[in-house]
């Protein structure tokens, strides 16, 4: 009996600590330059700033506007896509637990009663007999001893897939935060454009009323009245346009949040939204290795690497153990009497001699690793492009804003002077129409550039990895 215990204990230890066929993993080199691009588009980026790195601040610290923080928090609680990502993490954790449990034997307890009736001509005693057998046993059936790491390789692959699901969830969270911020800011910009359109409509309507009075007393020509009428109608079109866009922006925001955002938390203009925290991209592209989508691709590469170990181990002998220990008696009261102990010990070894599927499976796993490596490199290249594009906007947007502000002021002065000259009879109303049209375009352009600046800050935060997140603390132990 003690020998049986020793055998089971020894095989359990060997199964857990056996050899591994998994290839040694080395992180591939970055398939992108080690530094961010340089050139005219990046000259205005400040490299000596004291702004924190993106991984040093949370999204609550980055987005400083209190109302926007509330809306983002609502989205993190209610968004269905993020909820699905969290459920995928939970499922992957369960699958890892199932695969890890394969390392250990399944032990069952059984109790039973067997009755056998024999006729007289078969009983050997000339009379019919009914035999009863009581038995109780504790045993395990066909437990595979993992000498060559087949089960442990599959367990490691499942673990990496679990880690990948965590990174997918975090990537979904970063994407959601960025989308909510973008929708919120777009709504603010369209609300501001709507205000400009309404103000323009009011001023053009007032101009129309004035010119109509002048026309009625013969001080203005009909062409002036018709020209100002076109501007009134054009302003009405834009008011309807931006009213529709603002409503669609609100619908998009509600969809991302997963519920209706109260009006108290909606932005009236871009100026009403606090600017996000400045961040630094650093000078090295190594920061991309902390992006969750890059980490997810690396986890899948590690999973593919572990699957190679499982495919290799499948080419070696497999040892399975079936054993049980218990007691048996013809009387229920005799089950636990001396001498009623029963036990079985049935090891089995299977040696693959000719199985082309195993060699093909090994080829498939090696190809899967190459595919995972290619996806990993492609993910990094895409990440590098996204950061470089955001940095190009950051390096040029301030000069665009300065020029647009100067242009808007000049157009405002031109419109005011043209209107004065018309009222004094020096110029025709056509010059006023041209000045007003240019001023309106400049005002709307200024809103677009201001929106581009603030949304690019949010995008840069997202493409650099989205900041600190406690999800790293949730990884299970091997």
Protein backbone atom coordinates (compact mmCIF):
# COMPACT_ATOMS: atom_id res chain seq x y z
CA UNK A 1 0.00 0.00 0.00
CA UNK A 2 2.78 2.42 0.89
CA UNK A 3 4.51 1.59 -2.40
CA UNK A 4 1.36 2.63 -4.26
CA UNK A 5 1.30 5.97 -2.47
CA UNK A 6 4.97 6.52 -3.24
CA UNK A 7 4.45 5.72 -6.92
CA UNK A 8 1.50 8.12 -7.23
CA UNK A 9 3.37 10.88 -5.41
CA UNK A 10 6.49 10.42 -7.52
CA UNK A 11 4.58 10.45 -10.80
CA UNK A 12 2.71 13.58 -9.71
CA UNK A 13 6.00 15.36 -8.99
CA UNK A 14 7.47 14.28 -12.34
CA UNK A 15 4.34 15.38 -14.17
CA UNK A 16 4.54 18.88 -12.73
CA UNK A 17 8.31 19.33 -13.09
CA UNK A 18 9.07 17.38 -16.28
CA UNK A 19 11.08 18.65 -19.23
CA UNK A 20 9.81 21.21 -21.72
CA UNK A 21 9.91 21.18 -25.52
CA UNK A 22 9.01 24.89 -25.83
CA UNK A 23 11.59 26.86 -27.91
CA UNK A 24 13.47 29.58 -26.06
CA UNK A 25 11.76 32.93 -26.55
CA UNK A 26 13.66 36.10 -27.44
CA UNK A 27 11.78 39.34 -27.99
CA UNK A 28 12.24 40.44 -31.64
CA UNK A 29 13.94 43.71 -32.42
CA UNK A 30 11.76 46.71 -33.18
CA UNK A 31 10.92 46.84 -36.91
CA UNK A 32 10.84 50.66 -36.73
CA UNK A 33 13.41 53.41 -36.05
CA UNK A 34 14.45 53.85 -32.43
CA UNK A 35 13.70 57.60 -32.56
CA UNK A 36 10.65 59.53 -33.69
CA UNK A 37 10.72 61.23 -37.12
CA UNK A 38 12.44 64.58 -37.57
CA UNK A 39 11.84 67.35 -40.07
CA UNK A 40 9.93 70.57 -40.61
CA UNK A 41 6.69 69.09 -39.30
CA UNK A 42 8.28 68.28 -35.94
CA UNK A 43 10.42 71.38 -35.32
CA UNK A 44 7.91 73.07 -33.02
CA UNK A 45 7.65 70.07 -30.66
CA UNK A 46 9.25 70.93 -27.34
CA UNK A 47 11.68 68.20 -26.28
CA UNK A 48 12.83 69.91 -23.07
CA UNK A 49 9.36 70.06 -21.55
CA UNK A 50 8.66 68.89 -18.01
CA UNK A 51 5.45 67.20 -19.16
CA UNK A 52 5.09 63.68 -17.72
CA UNK A 53 5.40 60.52 -19.80
CA UNK A 54 2.13 58.93 -20.82
CA UNK A 55 2.60 55.89 -18.59
CA UNK A 56 2.91 58.11 -15.51
CA UNK A 57 -0.61 59.53 -15.51
CA UNK A 58 -4.09 58.03 -15.55
CA UNK A 59 -6.89 59.11 -17.85
CA UNK A 60 -8.46 61.01 -14.94
CA UNK A 61 -5.27 63.06 -14.63
CA UNK A 62 -4.97 63.58 -18.39
CA UNK A 63 -8.55 64.74 -18.99
CA UNK A 64 -8.81 67.64 -16.56
CA UNK A 65 -12.39 68.65 -17.42
CA UNK A 66 -14.70 67.46 -14.63
CA UNK A 67 -17.76 67.01 -16.87
CA UNK A 68 -15.80 65.04 -19.45
CA UNK A 69 -14.42 62.83 -16.67
CA UNK A 70 -17.98 62.06 -15.57
CA UNK A 71 -19.05 61.18 -19.12
CA UNK A 72 -16.04 58.90 -19.62
CA UNK A 73 -16.72 57.19 -16.31
CA UNK A 74 -20.32 56.58 -17.41
CA UNK A 75 -19.04 55.00 -20.63
CA UNK A 76 -16.64 52.71 -18.78
CA UNK A 77 -19.55 51.41 -16.72
CA UNK A 78 -22.18 51.10 -19.46
CA UNK A 79 -20.50 50.55 -22.83
CA UNK A 80 -21.39 47.12 -24.23
CA UNK A 81 -18.21 46.66 -26.27
CA UNK A 82 -16.09 47.13 -23.17
CA UNK A 83 -18.39 44.79 -21.27
CA UNK A 84 -17.85 42.11 -23.94
CA UNK A 85 -14.09 42.59 -23.69
CA UNK A 86 -14.27 42.09 -19.92
CA UNK A 87 -16.33 38.92 -20.38
CA UNK A 88 -13.76 37.62 -22.85
CA UNK A 89 -11.11 38.09 -20.15
CA UNK A 90 -13.25 36.14 -17.71
CA UNK A 91 -13.73 33.35 -20.24
CA UNK A 92 -10.01 33.18 -21.06
CA UNK A 93 -9.23 32.93 -17.35
CA UNK A 94 -11.63 30.00 -17.07
CA UNK A 95 -10.07 28.28 -20.09
CA UNK A 96 -6.65 28.70 -18.52
CA UNK A 97 -7.93 27.11 -15.31
CA UNK A 98 -9.30 24.15 -17.27
CA UNK A 99 -6.03 23.61 -19.12
CA UNK A 100 -3.93 23.98 -15.97
CA UNK A 101 -6.09 21.40 -14.19
CA UNK A 102 -4.99 18.81 -16.77
CA UNK A 103 -1.67 18.62 -14.90
CA UNK A 104 -3.36 17.01 -11.92
CA UNK A 105 -5.24 13.72 -11.64
CA UNK A 106 -9.00 13.54 -11.40
CA UNK A 107 -9.84 11.52 -8.29
CA UNK A 108 -13.29 10.08 -7.81
CA UNK A 109 -14.90 8.20 -4.94
CA UNK A 110 -17.24 5.37 -5.83
CA UNK A 111 -19.49 3.16 -3.76
CA UNK A 112 -21.64 0.38 -5.11
CA UNK A 113 -23.56 -2.82 -4.63
CA UNK A 114 -23.45 -5.69 -7.11
CA UNK A 115 -25.99 -8.54 -7.06
CA UNK A 116 -25.45 -11.62 -9.21
CA UNK A 117 -27.95 -14.47 -9.54
CA UNK A 118 -26.72 -17.87 -10.78
CA UNK A 119 -29.03 -20.79 -11.72
CA UNK A 120 -28.49 -24.17 -10.15
CA UNK A 121 -26.71 -25.68 -13.15
CA UNK A 122 -24.12 -22.87 -13.09
CA UNK A 123 -23.63 -22.32 -9.40
CA UNK A 124 -21.58 -25.50 -8.91
CA UNK A 125 -23.51 -26.30 -5.77
CA UNK A 126 -26.67 -27.72 -7.36
CA UNK A 127 -28.85 -24.87 -6.13
CA UNK A 128 -29.43 -21.36 -7.40
CA UNK A 129 -27.44 -18.65 -5.66
CA UNK A 130 -27.64 -14.89 -5.32
CA UNK A 131 -24.33 -13.19 -4.54
CA UNK A 132 -23.95 -9.65 -3.19
CA UNK A 133 -20.76 -7.60 -3.27
CA UNK A 134 -20.31 -4.24 -1.55
CA UNK A 135 -17.39 -2.04 -2.58
CA UNK A 136 -16.01 1.43 -1.83
CA UNK A 137 -13.01 2.79 -3.73
CA UNK A 138 -11.01 5.93 -4.38
CA UNK A 139 -9.34 6.09 -7.77
CA UNK A 140 -8.16 8.01 -10.79
CA UNK A 141 -8.71 7.05 -14.42
CA UNK A 142 -6.21 7.54 -17.25
CA UNK A 143 -4.16 10.39 -15.81
CA UNK A 144 -1.53 11.43 -18.34
CA UNK A 145 1.89 11.94 -16.79
CA UNK A 146 3.43 15.02 -18.40
CA UNK A 147 7.04 13.81 -18.78
CA UNK A 148 7.68 15.81 -21.98
CA UNK A 149 5.68 18.96 -21.21
CA UNK A 150 2.72 18.41 -23.54
CA UNK A 151 0.11 19.53 -21.02
CA UNK A 152 2.32 22.26 -19.54
CA UNK A 153 2.90 23.70 -23.02
CA UNK A 154 -0.83 23.86 -23.63
CA UNK A 155 -1.24 25.41 -20.17
CA UNK A 156 1.36 28.08 -21.00
CA UNK A 157 -0.37 28.78 -24.32
CA UNK A 158 -3.71 29.22 -22.50
CA UNK A 159 -2.04 31.53 -19.99
CA UNK A 160 -0.63 33.75 -22.75
CA UNK A 161 -4.03 33.82 -24.44
CA UNK A 162 -5.48 34.98 -21.12
CA UNK A 163 -2.89 37.74 -20.91
CA UNK A 164 -3.73 38.66 -24.52
CA UNK A 165 -7.42 38.95 -23.60
CA UNK A 166 -6.46 41.29 -20.76
CA UNK A 167 -4.52 43.48 -23.17
CA UNK A 168 -7.43 43.38 -25.63
CA UNK A 169 -9.70 44.62 -22.85
CA UNK A 170 -7.30 47.41 -21.97
CA UNK A 171 -6.96 48.36 -25.63
CA UNK A 172 -10.75 48.49 -25.88
CA UNK A 173 -10.84 50.74 -22.82
CA UNK A 174 -8.27 53.14 -24.28
CA UNK A 175 -10.13 53.20 -27.59
CA UNK A 176 -13.42 53.86 -25.82
CA UNK A 177 -11.98 56.71 -23.75
CA UNK A 178 -10.50 58.27 -26.89
CA UNK A 179 -13.77 57.88 -28.82
CA UNK A 180 -15.84 59.39 -26.01
CA UNK A 181 -13.46 62.34 -25.71
CA UNK A 182 -13.49 62.85 -29.48
CA UNK A 183 -17.31 62.72 -29.64
CA UNK A 184 -17.58 65.09 -26.66
CA UNK A 185 -15.16 67.61 -28.21
CA UNK A 186 -16.78 67.34 -31.64
CA UNK A 187 -20.13 68.12 -30.04
CA UNK A 188 -18.56 71.16 -28.37
CA UNK A 189 -17.10 72.35 -31.69
CA UNK A 190 -20.38 71.88 -33.59
CA UNK A 191 -22.28 73.70 -30.82
CA UNK A 192 -19.83 76.58 -31.17
CA UNK A 193 -20.17 76.54 -34.97
CA UNK A 194 -23.95 76.59 -34.49
CA UNK A 195 -23.62 79.66 -32.30
CA UNK A 196 -21.52 81.38 -34.98
CA UNK A 197 -24.07 80.46 -37.65
CA UNK A 198 -26.93 81.80 -35.52
CA UNK A 199 -25.02 84.99 -34.79
CA UNK A 200 -24.31 85.40 -38.50
CA UNK A 201 -27.99 84.82 -39.29
CA UNK A 202 -29.01 87.46 -36.76
CA UNK A 203 -26.56 90.02 -38.16
CA UNK A 204 -27.55 89.27 -41.75
CA UNK A 205 -31.23 89.47 -40.88
CA UNK A 206 -30.60 92.84 -39.24
CA UNK A 207 -28.70 93.97 -42.34
CA UNK A 208 -31.55 92.80 -44.53
CA UNK A 209 -34.10 94.74 -42.46
CA UNK A 210 -31.93 97.86 -42.66
CA UNK A 211 -31.38 97.63 -46.40
CA UNK A 212 -35.07 96.89 -46.94
CA UNK A 213 -35.94 100.18 -45.21
CA UNK A 214 -33.32 102.02 -47.31
CA UNK A 215 -34.67 100.36 -50.42
CA UNK A 216 -38.23 101.33 -49.58
CA UNK A 217 -37.23 105.03 -49.40
CA UNK A 218 -34.97 104.80 -52.46
CA UNK A 219 -31.58 104.93 -50.73
CA UNK A 220 -30.53 101.39 -51.74
CA UNK A 221 -30.68 99.46 -54.98
CA UNK A 222 -32.59 96.23 -55.49
CA UNK A 223 -29.33 94.36 -56.15
CA UNK A 224 -28.20 95.18 -52.60
CA UNK A 225 -31.43 93.77 -51.19
CA UNK A 226 -31.10 90.57 -53.23
CA UNK A 227 -27.45 90.12 -52.25
CA UNK A 228 -28.16 90.38 -48.54
CA UNK A 229 -31.11 88.00 -48.98
CA UNK A 230 -28.69 85.35 -50.31
CA UNK A 231 -26.57 85.70 -47.17
CA UNK A 232 -29.65 85.36 -44.94
CA UNK A 233 -30.68 82.19 -46.73
CA UNK A 234 -27.13 80.81 -46.62
CA UNK A 235 -26.96 81.43 -42.88
CA UNK A 236 -30.28 79.62 -42.43
CA UNK A 237 -28.86 76.63 -44.29
CA UNK A 238 -25.82 76.55 -41.99
CA UNK A 239 -27.97 76.87 -38.87
CA UNK A 240 -29.94 73.82 -39.97
CA UNK A 241 -26.71 72.00 -40.87
CA UNK A 242 -25.02 72.54 -37.51
CA UNK A 243 -28.25 71.83 -35.64
CA UNK A 244 -28.33 68.43 -37.36
CA UNK A 245 -24.61 67.79 -36.74
CA UNK A 246 -24.93 68.65 -33.05
CA UNK A 247 -27.89 66.27 -32.72
CA UNK A 248 -25.92 63.49 -34.44
CA UNK A 249 -22.93 64.18 -32.20
CA UNK A 250 -25.18 63.82 -29.16
CA UNK A 251 -26.53 60.52 -30.50
CA UNK A 252 -22.99 59.23 -31.08
CA UNK A 253 -21.98 60.25 -27.57
CA UNK A 254 -25.03 58.52 -26.05
CA UNK A 255 -24.22 55.36 -28.01
CA UNK A 256 -20.62 55.28 -26.78
CA UNK A 257 -21.65 55.99 -23.20
CA UNK A 258 -24.35 53.33 -23.32
CA UNK A 259 -26.98 55.64 -21.83
CA UNK A 260 -28.35 59.15 -22.27
CA UNK A 261 -25.89 61.82 -21.16
CA UNK A 262 -27.69 64.48 -19.07
CA UNK A 263 -27.75 67.96 -20.60
CA UNK A 264 -25.92 69.34 -17.56
CA UNK A 265 -22.80 67.45 -18.63
CA UNK A 266 -22.84 68.50 -22.29
CA UNK A 267 -20.37 71.15 -23.53
CA UNK A 268 -21.63 74.44 -24.93
CA UNK A 269 -18.40 75.45 -26.70
CA UNK A 270 -14.78 74.35 -26.97
CA UNK A 271 -13.76 77.17 -24.63
CA UNK A 272 -15.97 75.61 -21.96
CA UNK A 273 -13.87 72.41 -22.00
CA UNK A 274 -10.70 72.40 -19.89
CA UNK A 275 -7.55 71.58 -21.84
CA UNK A 276 -6.06 68.09 -21.35
CA UNK A 277 -2.78 67.60 -19.50
CA UNK A 278 0.33 68.01 -21.62
CA UNK A 279 2.30 64.78 -22.10
CA UNK A 280 5.66 63.84 -23.54
CA UNK A 281 6.25 61.15 -26.15
CA UNK A 282 9.88 60.90 -25.10
CA UNK A 283 12.65 60.43 -27.64
CA UNK A 284 12.62 56.65 -28.03
CA UNK A 285 10.08 54.48 -29.80
CA UNK A 286 10.57 51.82 -27.10
CA UNK A 287 7.49 53.34 -25.46
CA UNK A 288 5.46 51.45 -28.07
CA UNK A 289 6.28 48.19 -26.31
CA UNK A 290 3.92 49.28 -23.51
CA UNK A 291 0.95 49.73 -25.83
CA UNK A 292 -1.70 47.12 -25.00
CA UNK A 293 -2.21 46.07 -28.63
CA UNK A 294 1.53 45.47 -28.96
CA UNK A 295 1.53 43.50 -25.70
CA UNK A 296 -1.47 41.54 -26.95
CA UNK A 297 0.37 40.65 -30.17
CA UNK A 298 3.40 39.58 -28.15
CA UNK A 299 1.24 37.39 -25.88
CA UNK A 300 -0.20 35.67 -28.94
CA UNK A 301 3.35 35.14 -30.22
CA UNK A 302 4.28 33.54 -26.88
CA UNK A 303 1.16 31.35 -27.09
CA UNK A 304 2.18 30.20 -30.56
CA UNK A 305 5.67 29.48 -29.22
CA UNK A 306 4.20 27.32 -26.44
CA UNK A 307 2.07 25.42 -28.96
CA UNK A 308 5.27 24.37 -30.72
CA UNK A 309 6.35 22.72 -27.46
CA UNK A 310 3.04 20.83 -27.30
CA UNK A 311 3.41 19.69 -30.92
CA UNK A 312 6.95 18.49 -30.25
CA UNK A 313 5.90 16.65 -27.10
CA UNK A 314 3.18 14.85 -29.07
CA UNK A 315 5.94 13.02 -30.97
CA UNK A 316 7.21 11.37 -27.77
CA UNK A 317 5.69 8.52 -25.75
CA UNK A 318 2.64 9.23 -23.62
CA UNK A 319 2.25 7.57 -20.24
CA UNK A 320 -1.16 7.28 -18.61
CA UNK A 321 -1.89 5.94 -15.15
CA UNK A 322 -5.06 4.35 -13.86
CA UNK A 323 -5.19 3.30 -10.24
CA UNK A 324 -7.63 2.85 -7.39
CA UNK A 325 -7.68 1.76 -3.78
CA UNK A 326 -10.69 0.68 -1.78
CA UNK A 327 -12.43 -2.10 0.08
CA UNK A 328 -14.80 -4.86 -0.97
CA UNK A 329 -16.91 -7.39 0.92
CA UNK A 330 -19.95 -9.61 0.56
CA UNK A 331 -21.33 -8.05 3.70
CA UNK A 332 -21.94 -4.35 4.27
CA UNK A 333 -20.55 -4.67 7.79
CA UNK A 334 -17.36 -6.20 6.44
CA UNK A 335 -16.35 -3.32 4.15
CA UNK A 336 -13.87 -1.90 6.63
CA UNK A 337 -12.69 -5.15 8.19
CA UNK A 338 -9.10 -6.34 8.01
CA UNK A 339 -8.27 -8.07 4.76
CA UNK A 340 -10.98 -6.37 2.67
CA UNK A 341 -8.62 -3.88 0.97
CA UNK A 342 -8.47 -3.87 -2.84
CA UNK A 343 -6.28 -1.89 -5.18
CA UNK A 344 -5.34 -1.64 -8.83
CA UNK A 345 -2.38 -0.03 -10.55
CA UNK A 346 -2.46 0.04 -14.37
CA UNK A 347 0.15 2.21 -16.10
CA UNK A 348 -0.01 2.41 -19.90
CA UNK A 349 2.52 3.76 -22.38
CA UNK A 350 1.69 4.77 -25.95
CA UNK A 351 4.54 5.19 -28.41
CA UNK A 352 3.70 6.99 -31.67
CA UNK A 353 5.26 4.96 -34.51
CA UNK A 354 3.64 6.36 -37.62
CA UNK A 355 1.34 9.38 -37.32
CA UNK A 356 1.77 11.90 -40.17
CA UNK A 357 -0.74 14.20 -38.45
CA UNK A 358 1.69 14.86 -35.60
CA UNK A 359 4.44 16.04 -37.95
CA UNK A 360 1.97 18.18 -39.90
CA UNK A 361 0.74 19.68 -36.62
CA UNK A 362 4.32 20.62 -35.74
CA UNK A 363 4.69 22.34 -39.13
CA UNK A 364 1.43 24.21 -38.53
CA UNK A 365 2.54 25.45 -35.11
CA UNK A 366 5.84 26.72 -36.53
CA UNK A 367 3.94 28.56 -39.25
CA UNK A 368 1.56 29.97 -36.64
CA UNK A 369 4.55 31.40 -34.79
CA UNK A 370 5.77 33.09 -37.99
CA UNK A 371 2.28 34.51 -38.54
CA UNK A 372 2.18 35.78 -34.95
CA UNK A 373 5.62 37.38 -35.40
CA UNK A 374 4.49 39.11 -38.59
CA UNK A 375 1.36 40.44 -36.84
CA UNK A 376 3.50 41.63 -33.92
CA UNK A 377 5.83 43.55 -36.24
CA UNK A 378 2.90 44.96 -38.21
CA UNK A 379 1.23 46.13 -34.98
CA UNK A 380 4.40 47.98 -33.95
CA UNK A 381 4.74 49.58 -37.38
CA UNK A 382 1.13 50.73 -37.25
CA UNK A 383 1.67 52.10 -33.75
CA UNK A 384 4.78 53.98 -34.89
CA UNK A 385 2.83 55.57 -37.76
CA UNK A 386 -0.02 56.62 -35.46
CA UNK A 387 2.35 58.30 -33.02
CA UNK A 388 4.35 59.95 -35.82
CA UNK A 389 1.13 61.32 -37.37
CA UNK A 390 -0.01 62.71 -34.00
CA UNK A 391 3.41 64.30 -33.45
CA UNK A 392 3.26 65.87 -36.92
CA UNK A 393 -0.05 67.53 -35.99
CA UNK A 394 1.38 68.62 -32.64
CA UNK A 395 4.39 70.15 -34.39
CA UNK A 396 2.34 72.22 -36.83
CA UNK A 397 -1.01 73.00 -35.22
CA UNK A 398 0.20 75.98 -33.14
CA UNK A 399 1.47 77.84 -36.21
CA UNK A 400 -1.80 77.05 -38.01
CA UNK A 401 -3.79 78.36 -35.05
CA UNK A 402 -1.74 81.55 -34.85
CA UNK A 403 -2.18 82.20 -38.56
CA UNK A 404 -5.91 81.45 -38.41
CA UNK A 405 -6.41 83.78 -35.43
CA UNK A 406 -4.60 86.55 -37.31
CA UNK A 407 -6.67 85.84 -40.42
CA UNK A 408 -9.92 85.91 -38.44
CA UNK A 409 -9.04 89.25 -36.83
CA UNK A 410 -8.12 90.73 -40.21
CA UNK A 411 -11.38 89.51 -41.75
CA UNK A 412 -13.33 90.93 -38.82
CA UNK A 413 -11.70 94.33 -39.32
CA UNK A 414 -12.29 94.12 -43.07
CA UNK A 415 -15.98 93.34 -42.54
CA UNK A 416 -16.41 96.21 -40.09
CA UNK A 417 -14.69 98.72 -42.40
CA UNK A 418 -16.57 97.47 -45.47
CA UNK A 419 -19.87 97.87 -43.67
CA UNK A 420 -18.89 101.41 -42.61
CA UNK A 421 -17.86 102.35 -46.17
CA UNK A 422 -21.16 101.01 -47.51
CA UNK A 423 -23.21 102.99 -44.98
CA UNK A 424 -21.31 106.13 -46.08
CA UNK A 425 -22.04 105.34 -49.72
CA UNK A 426 -18.38 104.81 -50.65
CA UNK A 427 -18.63 101.09 -51.64
CA UNK A 428 -21.36 98.81 -52.91
CA UNK A 429 -22.87 96.17 -50.71
CA UNK A 430 -21.02 93.51 -52.70
CA UNK A 431 -17.82 94.31 -50.81
CA UNK A 432 -19.70 93.86 -47.52
CA UNK A 433 -21.00 90.47 -48.72
CA UNK A 434 -17.49 89.32 -49.65
CA UNK A 435 -16.05 90.51 -46.32
CA UNK A 436 -18.81 88.82 -44.33
CA UNK A 437 -18.42 85.55 -46.26
CA UNK A 438 -14.66 85.57 -45.62
CA UNK A 439 -15.13 86.37 -41.94
CA UNK A 440 -17.63 83.55 -41.49
CA UNK A 441 -15.28 81.04 -43.17
CA UNK A 442 -12.39 82.24 -41.01
CA UNK A 443 -14.43 81.86 -37.82
CA UNK A 444 -15.50 78.33 -38.72
CA UNK A 445 -11.92 77.48 -39.73
CA UNK A 446 -10.66 78.69 -36.35
CA UNK A 447 -13.12 76.36 -34.60
CA UNK A 448 -11.87 73.45 -36.75
CA UNK A 449 -8.21 74.12 -35.91
CA UNK A 450 -8.94 74.45 -32.20
CA UNK A 451 -10.83 71.15 -32.33
CA UNK A 452 -7.94 69.54 -34.23
CA UNK A 453 -5.49 70.63 -31.53
CA UNK A 454 -7.41 69.31 -28.54
CA UNK A 455 -8.49 66.06 -30.23
CA UNK A 456 -4.90 65.44 -31.32
CA UNK A 457 -3.80 65.74 -27.70
CA UNK A 458 -6.31 63.04 -26.80
CA UNK A 459 -5.21 60.91 -29.75
CA UNK A 460 -1.54 61.22 -28.80
CA UNK A 461 -2.41 60.04 -25.30
CA UNK A 462 -4.23 57.02 -26.75
CA UNK A 463 -1.63 56.00 -29.36
CA UNK A 464 1.17 56.21 -26.79
CA UNK A 465 -0.57 53.56 -24.71
CA UNK A 466 -3.27 55.34 -22.75
CA UNK A 467 -1.48 55.82 -19.47
CA UNK A 468 -1.31 53.89 -16.22
CA UNK A 469 -3.75 51.02 -15.68
CA UNK A 470 -4.05 48.55 -12.81
CA UNK A 471 -4.85 45.67 -15.16
CA UNK A 472 -1.23 44.51 -14.99
CA UNK A 473 -1.80 43.52 -11.37
CA UNK A 474 -4.46 40.98 -12.36
CA UNK A 475 -2.17 38.46 -14.04
CA UNK A 476 -2.42 35.01 -12.41
CA UNK A 477 0.62 33.08 -11.30
CA UNK A 478 1.88 30.13 -13.28
